[in-house]
Amino acid sequence: MKQRIEDLDWKNLGFVYRDLPYRYEAKYKDGQWQEGKLVEASTLTLSEGAEILHYGQEIFEGLKAYRRKDGKINLFRPEQNAHRFTLSAERLAMPPFPEEQFVAAVKQVVLANQEFVPPYDSGATLYLRPFMVGTSNVLGVQAANEYTFRIFAVPVGAYIKGLNPAAYIVSDYDRAAYAGTGQAKTAGNYASSLLPSVEAHQKGYADCLYLDPREHKYIDEFGGANFFGITSEGQFVTPKSPSILISITKRSLLELAKKQGLNPVERQITLAEAFGMKEAGAMGTAAVISPVGSITYQGQKHVIYSEEETGPITTKLYQELVDIQYGNEEGPEGWVQEVSE
């Protein structure tokens, strides 16, 4: 059933799927992308032999549209999502979707569903989910030769409400192989994290923190977000690894941290060093920033700053990023694109 605007409670949306009126779809066949268009149907019809069902050729993105105080709508660095989508496609042997067309299609979906972009003061956003799947029939292990690209939109509340410190546990599992698909945004990476996540939630933790798959010594990332820490010297540090997702939020915070004099750097971070961080957080499109209250490893809990309060540096970084996204503050050139007719 299609979502009705009158049935929405803007301040209690949650982070769940809703069937909005329009989405964008384009098909790849005969070696080229066909012209895309807005469609109303929210279902896909696949053959039982479709590649995605057997060998997992699937990639996706996540970005948001923000209602400004003046009622206009912003996108935050959508060209970065388009480029990461290209990198993911190349890693999964899929045909890249043209990046300019990607951004244009995102804007079409936002405009077609603009009444569902939540009000400025609701704390909610319109989440955009571009994705691509291999659809041609295969039996042997091989890449598909036909693909479907789609973008749908969903009004969502905060993935993690407010700046409330959360408890995390170091996982015994690996999220991705060292030279595997960790840098691509593909379904398989998340499928492998589901069991560890379920087990973590059953034990009362917000999520897992994964270590590098080679030595299990260095921090990689959380199940659904990148890691950052503030050292005792006040430096912003975040892991550098070939097995973690390229993060647009991380790139943005690295720039904001530089502006705030935090001398940011990407480098290897040992778990032992993380325990001594002055502040730490999880960062990503859905979460924005979620403060780390504690990290538990081999039964021992290590509190980072506080389990009740968010550190001042984390708070300042969060506020500046959100102010730029909502148009309250001017960010670096090109970070925000206004969506207009």
Protein backbone atom coordinates (compact mmCIF):
# COMPACT_ATOMS: atom_id res chain seq x y z
CA MET A 1 0.00 0.00 0.00
CA LYS A 2 1.28 3.45 -0.92
CA GLN A 3 2.27 5.67 2.00
CA ARG A 4 -0.17 8.50 2.70
CA ILE A 5 1.27 11.82 3.85
CA GLU A 6 -1.51 12.29 6.41
CA ASP A 7 -0.57 9.06 8.16
CA LEU A 8 2.98 10.18 8.99
CA ASP A 9 4.11 11.37 12.41
CA TRP A 10 7.21 13.37 11.43
CA LYS A 11 8.83 13.11 14.85
CA ASN A 12 8.33 9.36 15.18
CA LEU A 13 9.18 7.95 11.77
CA GLY A 14 11.75 5.38 12.77
CA PHE A 15 14.13 3.95 10.17
CA VAL A 16 11.77 1.68 8.20
CA TYR A 17 10.75 1.16 4.57
CA ARG A 18 7.72 3.03 3.24
CA ASP A 19 6.27 2.82 -0.27
CA LEU A 20 6.32 6.36 -1.69
CA PRO A 21 4.66 7.31 -5.00
CA TYR A 22 7.72 7.44 -7.26
CA ARG A 23 11.13 5.88 -7.82
CA TYR A 24 13.65 6.03 -10.68
CA GLU A 25 14.54 3.03 -12.82
CA ALA A 26 17.01 2.38 -15.65
CA LYS A 27 17.95 -0.87 -17.38
CA TYR A 28 21.28 -2.03 -18.78
CA LYS A 29 21.16 -4.39 -21.75
CA ASP A 30 22.85 -4.91 -25.11
CA GLY A 31 25.98 -3.33 -23.66
CA GLN A 32 24.54 0.05 -22.72
CA TRP A 33 22.30 1.87 -20.28
CA GLN A 34 18.78 2.51 -21.57
CA GLU A 35 17.03 5.80 -20.85
CA GLY A 36 15.77 5.90 -17.27
CA LYS A 37 12.48 7.25 -15.97
CA LEU A 38 10.30 7.68 -12.91
CA VAL A 39 8.03 4.71 -12.21
CA GLU A 40 5.29 4.04 -9.67
CA ALA A 41 5.61 0.29 -9.17
CA SER A 42 7.64 -0.59 -6.08
CA THR A 43 8.22 -4.22 -7.05
CA LEU A 44 10.86 -5.94 -9.17
CA THR A 45 10.17 -9.10 -11.19
CA LEU A 46 13.13 -11.47 -11.42
CA SER A 47 13.71 -14.83 -13.02
CA GLU A 48 14.66 -17.67 -10.70
CA GLY A 49 17.95 -17.73 -12.60
CA ALA A 50 18.70 -14.03 -11.99
CA GLU A 51 22.36 -13.46 -11.17
CA ILE A 52 21.62 -11.50 -7.97
CA LEU A 53 19.88 -14.53 -6.45
CA HIS A 54 22.89 -16.80 -6.89
CA TYR A 55 26.14 -14.87 -7.12
CA GLY A 56 25.32 -11.62 -5.37
CA GLN A 57 26.02 -8.88 -7.92
CA GLU A 58 24.44 -6.04 -5.95
CA ILE A 59 25.60 -2.60 -4.87
CA PHE A 60 23.81 0.26 -3.17
CA GLU A 61 24.16 3.76 -1.76
CA GLY A 62 22.60 5.85 0.96
CA LEU A 63 22.17 9.63 1.03
CA LYS A 64 19.68 12.13 2.37
CA ALA A 65 17.63 15.15 1.37
CA TYR A 66 17.30 17.85 4.04
CA ARG A 67 14.48 20.38 4.46
CA ARG A 68 15.97 23.78 5.17
CA LYS A 69 14.52 26.39 7.50
CA ASP A 70 13.32 28.39 4.47
CA GLY A 71 11.47 25.34 3.12
CA LYS A 72 13.91 24.55 0.30
CA ILE A 73 15.64 21.18 -0.02
CA ASN A 74 19.35 20.33 0.16
CA LEU A 75 21.41 17.33 -0.91
CA PHE A 76 24.77 16.76 0.75
CA ARG A 77 27.64 15.90 -1.60
CA PRO A 78 25.62 13.58 -3.90
CA GLU A 79 28.43 13.50 -6.44
CA GLN A 80 30.51 11.66 -3.84
CA ASN A 81 27.84 8.97 -3.61
CA ALA A 82 27.78 8.75 -7.40
CA HIS A 83 31.54 8.23 -7.51
CA ARG A 84 31.52 5.63 -4.73
CA PHE A 85 28.75 3.83 -6.65
CA THR A 86 31.10 3.71 -9.65
CA LEU A 87 33.91 2.25 -7.53
CA SER A 88 31.56 -0.36 -6.07
CA ALA A 89 30.33 -1.29 -9.55
CA GLU A 90 33.87 -1.73 -10.84
CA ARG A 91 34.77 -3.99 -7.89
CA LEU A 92 31.71 -6.18 -8.52
CA ALA A 93 32.31 -6.36 -12.31
CA MET A 94 29.18 -4.32 -13.00
CA PRO A 95 28.74 -1.52 -15.56
CA PRO A 96 29.10 1.87 -13.78
CA PHE A 97 26.02 4.06 -13.93
CA PRO A 98 26.92 7.53 -15.36
CA GLU A 99 27.71 9.76 -12.40
CA GLU A 100 26.03 12.93 -13.67
CA GLN A 101 22.94 10.90 -14.48
CA PHE A 102 23.06 9.39 -10.98
CA VAL A 103 22.89 12.86 -9.37
CA ALA A 104 20.18 14.01 -11.78
CA ALA A 105 18.12 10.90 -11.03
CA VAL A 106 18.42 11.47 -7.27
CA LYS A 107 17.07 14.99 -7.76
CA GLN A 108 14.18 13.66 -9.87
CA VAL A 109 13.18 11.26 -7.10
CA VAL A 110 13.36 13.98 -4.44
CA LEU A 111 11.25 16.40 -6.49
CA ALA A 112 8.68 13.74 -7.38
CA ASN A 113 8.29 12.87 -3.67
CA GLN A 114 9.00 16.32 -2.23
CA GLU A 115 5.89 16.41 -0.01
CA PHE A 116 7.52 13.54 1.90
CA VAL A 117 10.68 15.52 2.74
CA PRO A 118 10.16 16.02 6.50
CA PRO A 119 9.78 19.51 8.00
CA TYR A 120 12.93 21.36 9.09
CA ASP A 121 12.35 21.08 12.83
CA SER A 122 11.31 17.41 12.85
CA GLY A 123 14.80 15.94 13.11
CA ALA A 124 13.90 13.70 10.15
CA THR A 125 15.12 13.51 6.55
CA LEU A 126 14.25 11.92 3.22
CA TYR A 127 16.56 8.95 2.78
CA LEU A 128 17.54 7.96 -0.79
CA ARG A 129 18.53 4.39 -1.60
CA PRO A 130 20.11 3.94 -5.07
CA PHE A 131 20.89 0.30 -5.90
CA MET A 132 21.83 -1.95 -8.82
CA VAL A 133 21.32 -5.70 -9.28
CA GLY A 134 22.32 -8.23 -11.90
CA THR A 135 19.15 -9.60 -13.51
CA SER A 136 20.16 -11.85 -16.43
CA ASN A 137 19.92 -15.63 -16.08
CA VAL A 138 23.14 -17.39 -15.14
CA LEU A 139 24.04 -20.87 -13.99
CA GLY A 140 27.82 -20.93 -13.99
CA VAL A 141 29.72 -18.37 -11.93
CA GLN A 142 29.91 -15.30 -14.13
CA ALA A 143 28.91 -11.65 -14.28
CA ALA A 144 25.45 -10.73 -15.53
CA ASN A 145 24.93 -8.96 -18.84
CA GLU A 146 21.71 -7.21 -17.81
CA TYR A 147 21.18 -4.96 -14.79
CA THR A 148 18.50 -2.87 -13.13
CA PHE A 149 19.34 0.44 -11.44
CA ARG A 150 16.81 1.99 -9.08
CA ILE A 151 16.49 4.82 -6.58
CA PHE A 152 13.70 4.86 -4.02
CA ALA A 153 13.04 7.33 -1.21
CA VAL A 154 11.81 6.93 2.36
CA PRO A 155 11.17 9.58 5.05
CA VAL A 156 13.14 8.49 8.12
CA GLY A 157 13.87 9.59 11.63
CA ALA A 158 17.34 9.46 13.09
CA TYR A 159 18.97 6.03 12.73
CA ILE A 160 20.38 6.61 16.19
CA LYS A 161 18.43 9.24 18.14
CA GLY A 162 20.46 12.09 19.53
CA LEU A 163 24.03 12.24 20.77
CA ASN A 164 23.64 9.44 23.28
CA PRO A 165 26.79 7.42 24.06
CA ALA A 166 26.40 3.76 23.08
CA ALA A 167 28.11 0.56 24.17
CA TYR A 168 29.98 -1.53 21.57
CA ILE A 169 31.64 -4.93 21.65
CA VAL A 170 34.68 -6.08 19.66
CA SER A 171 33.59 -8.89 17.35
CA ASP A 172 35.37 -12.21 16.96
CA TYR A 173 34.18 -12.25 13.34
CA ASP A 174 35.68 -10.43 10.35
CA ARG A 175 33.47 -8.02 8.42
CA ALA A 176 35.43 -8.32 5.17
CA ALA A 177 38.61 -9.90 3.84
CA TYR A 178 41.81 -7.85 3.59
CA ALA A 179 41.76 -7.73 -0.21
CA GLY A 180 38.04 -8.48 -0.51
CA THR A 181 35.00 -6.28 -1.07
CA GLY A 182 35.23 -4.21 2.12
CA GLN A 183 35.66 -0.93 0.23
CA ALA A 184 32.58 -1.61 -1.93
CA LYS A 185 29.05 -0.94 -0.71
CA THR A 186 27.67 -4.37 -1.53
CA ALA A 187 25.04 -6.49 0.18
CA GLY A 188 27.37 -9.37 1.00
CA ASN A 189 29.42 -7.26 3.40
CA TYR A 190 26.30 -6.50 5.40
CA ALA A 191 24.94 -10.05 5.21
CA SER A 192 28.11 -11.32 6.88
CA SER A 193 27.66 -8.78 9.70
CA LEU A 194 24.09 -9.81 10.56
CA LEU A 195 24.93 -12.74 12.86
CA PRO A 196 27.53 -10.76 14.85
CA SER A 197 25.06 -7.88 15.09
CA VAL A 198 22.26 -10.12 16.37
CA GLU A 199 24.58 -11.60 18.97
CA ALA A 200 25.77 -8.14 20.03
CA HIS A 201 22.21 -6.85 20.41
CA GLN A 202 21.24 -9.90 22.47
CA LYS A 203 24.04 -8.97 24.86
CA GLY A 204 22.87 -5.37 25.10
CA TYR A 205 25.36 -3.68 22.76
CA ALA A 206 24.54 -1.18 20.02
CA ASP A 207 26.75 -2.89 17.44
CA CYS A 208 30.05 -4.64 16.81
CA LEU A 209 33.47 -3.11 16.31
CA TYR A 210 35.55 -5.10 13.81
CA LEU A 211 39.31 -5.51 13.78
CA ASP A 212 41.54 -5.87 10.74
CA PRO A 213 41.18 -9.34 9.16
CA ARG A 214 44.93 -9.99 8.97
CA GLU A 215 46.30 -9.42 12.45
CA HIS A 216 43.18 -8.69 14.51
CA LYS A 217 45.15 -5.87 16.06
CA TYR A 218 43.95 -2.70 14.34
CA ILE A 219 40.48 -1.17 14.25
CA ASP A 220 38.59 -1.42 10.95
CA GLU A 221 35.03 -0.16 11.47
CA PHE A 222 31.66 -0.77 13.09
CA GLY A 223 29.00 -2.91 11.46
CA GLY A 224 27.28 0.09 9.90
CA ALA A 225 29.62 3.05 10.37
CA ASN A 226 33.25 4.18 10.39
CA PHE A 227 35.26 4.78 13.58
CA PHE A 228 36.95 7.97 14.73
CA GLY A 229 38.77 8.87 17.90
CA ILE A 230 40.15 11.96 19.60
CA THR A 231 43.57 11.28 21.10
CA SER A 232 44.77 12.61 24.44
CA GLU A 233 46.66 15.26 22.45
CA GLY A 234 43.40 16.37 20.81
CA GLN A 235 44.02 14.89 17.36
CA PHE A 236 41.20 13.51 15.19
CA VAL A 237 42.20 10.03 13.98
CA THR A 238 40.34 7.47 11.87
CA PRO A 239 41.43 4.07 10.55
CA LYS A 240 43.12 3.61 7.21
CA SER A 241 42.52 0.15 5.84
CA PRO A 242 41.89 -1.61 2.51
CA SER A 243 39.01 -3.55 4.02
CA ILE A 244 36.69 -0.73 5.17
CA LEU A 245 34.07 1.25 3.30
CA ILE A 246 35.01 4.58 1.77
CA SER A 247 32.91 7.00 3.82
CA ILE A 248 31.57 10.36 2.64
CA THR A 249 30.79 11.34 6.23
CA LYS A 250 34.37 10.47 7.20
CA ARG A 251 35.81 12.55 4.36
CA SER A 252 33.65 15.46 5.43
CA LEU A 253 34.58 15.20 9.10
CA LEU A 254 38.27 15.01 8.21
CA GLU A 255 37.89 18.41 6.54
CA LEU A 256 35.85 19.90 9.39
CA ALA A 257 38.35 18.56 11.93
CA LYS A 258 41.15 20.29 10.04
CA LYS A 259 39.19 23.53 10.14
CA GLN A 260 38.78 23.12 13.90
CA GLY A 261 42.52 22.64 14.38
CA LEU A 262 42.36 18.94 15.25
CA ASN A 263 45.21 17.97 12.90
CA PRO A 264 43.20 15.04 11.42
CA VAL A 265 44.88 11.94 10.06
CA GLU A 266 43.95 8.54 8.61
CA ARG A 267 46.22 5.81 9.96
CA GLN A 268 46.24 2.45 11.63
CA ILE A 269 44.78 2.54 15.14
CA THR A 270 45.46 -0.32 17.52
CA LEU A 271 42.66 -1.52 19.74
CA ALA A 272 44.84 -0.75 22.76
CA GLU A 273 45.21 2.85 21.58
CA ALA A 274 41.45 3.15 21.08
CA PHE A 275 40.84 2.25 24.72
CA GLY A 276 42.81 5.36 25.71
CA MET A 277 41.01 7.79 23.40
CA LYS A 278 39.68 10.97 24.95
CA GLU A 279 36.54 10.70 22.79
CA ALA A 280 35.35 8.34 20.06
CA GLY A 281 32.41 7.95 17.72
CA ALA A 282 30.74 6.02 14.92
CA MET A 283 30.15 8.10 11.77
CA GLY A 284 28.08 7.49 8.65
CA THR A 285 25.18 8.76 6.55
CA ALA A 286 22.48 7.09 8.60
CA ALA A 287 24.05 7.61 12.03
CA VAL A 288 25.74 11.00 11.31
CA ILE A 289 27.75 10.67 14.55
CA SER A 290 27.01 8.30 17.40
CA PRO A 291 29.30 8.76 20.44
CA VAL A 292 31.07 5.69 21.77
CA GLY A 293 30.38 5.29 25.46
CA SER A 294 32.32 2.07 25.91
CA ILE A 295 34.10 -0.72 24.08
CA THR A 296 34.06 -4.23 25.53
CA TYR A 297 36.83 -6.65 24.58
CA GLN A 298 37.26 -10.16 25.94
CA GLY A 299 34.87 -9.43 28.79
CA GLN A 300 36.50 -6.16 29.89
CA LYS A 301 34.69 -2.85 29.39
CA HIS A 302 36.67 0.26 28.49
CA VAL A 303 34.80 3.54 28.96
CA ILE A 304 35.57 6.26 26.40
CA TYR A 305 34.98 9.76 27.84
CA SER A 306 31.62 8.92 29.45
CA GLU A 307 28.75 6.46 29.24
CA GLU A 308 26.25 9.26 29.92
CA GLU A 309 27.57 12.41 28.21
CA THR A 310 28.97 13.27 24.80
CA GLY A 311 32.42 14.83 24.64
CA PRO A 312 32.76 18.49 23.59
CA ILE A 313 34.78 17.82 20.41
CA THR A 314 32.33 15.19 19.17
CA THR A 315 29.44 17.54 19.91
CA LYS A 316 31.05 20.41 18.01
CA LEU A 317 31.84 18.25 14.97
CA TYR A 318 28.32 16.86 14.91
CA GLN A 319 26.69 20.27 15.15
CA GLU A 320 28.81 21.81 12.41
CA LEU A 321 28.16 18.93 10.01
CA VAL A 322 24.41 18.96 10.62
CA ASP A 323 24.25 22.76 10.29
CA ILE A 324 25.90 22.51 6.87
CA GLN A 325 23.58 19.72 5.74
CA TYR A 326 20.47 21.69 6.74
CA GLY A 327 21.77 24.95 5.29
CA ASN A 328 22.15 26.74 8.62
CA GLU A 329 25.85 27.24 8.01
CA GLU A 330 27.81 27.60 4.80
CA GLY A 331 30.16 24.69 4.24
CA PRO A 332 33.04 24.22 1.81
CA GLU A 333 32.22 25.02 -1.79
CA GLY A 334 30.16 22.36 -3.55
CA TRP A 335 29.18 20.39 -0.45
CA VAL A 336 25.50 21.31 -0.67
CA GLN A 337 23.29 21.17 -3.77
CA GLU A 338 19.85 22.72 -3.73
CA VAL A 339 17.08 20.65 -5.31
CA SER A 340 14.80 22.83 -7.42
CA GLU A 341 12.32 22.47 -10.29
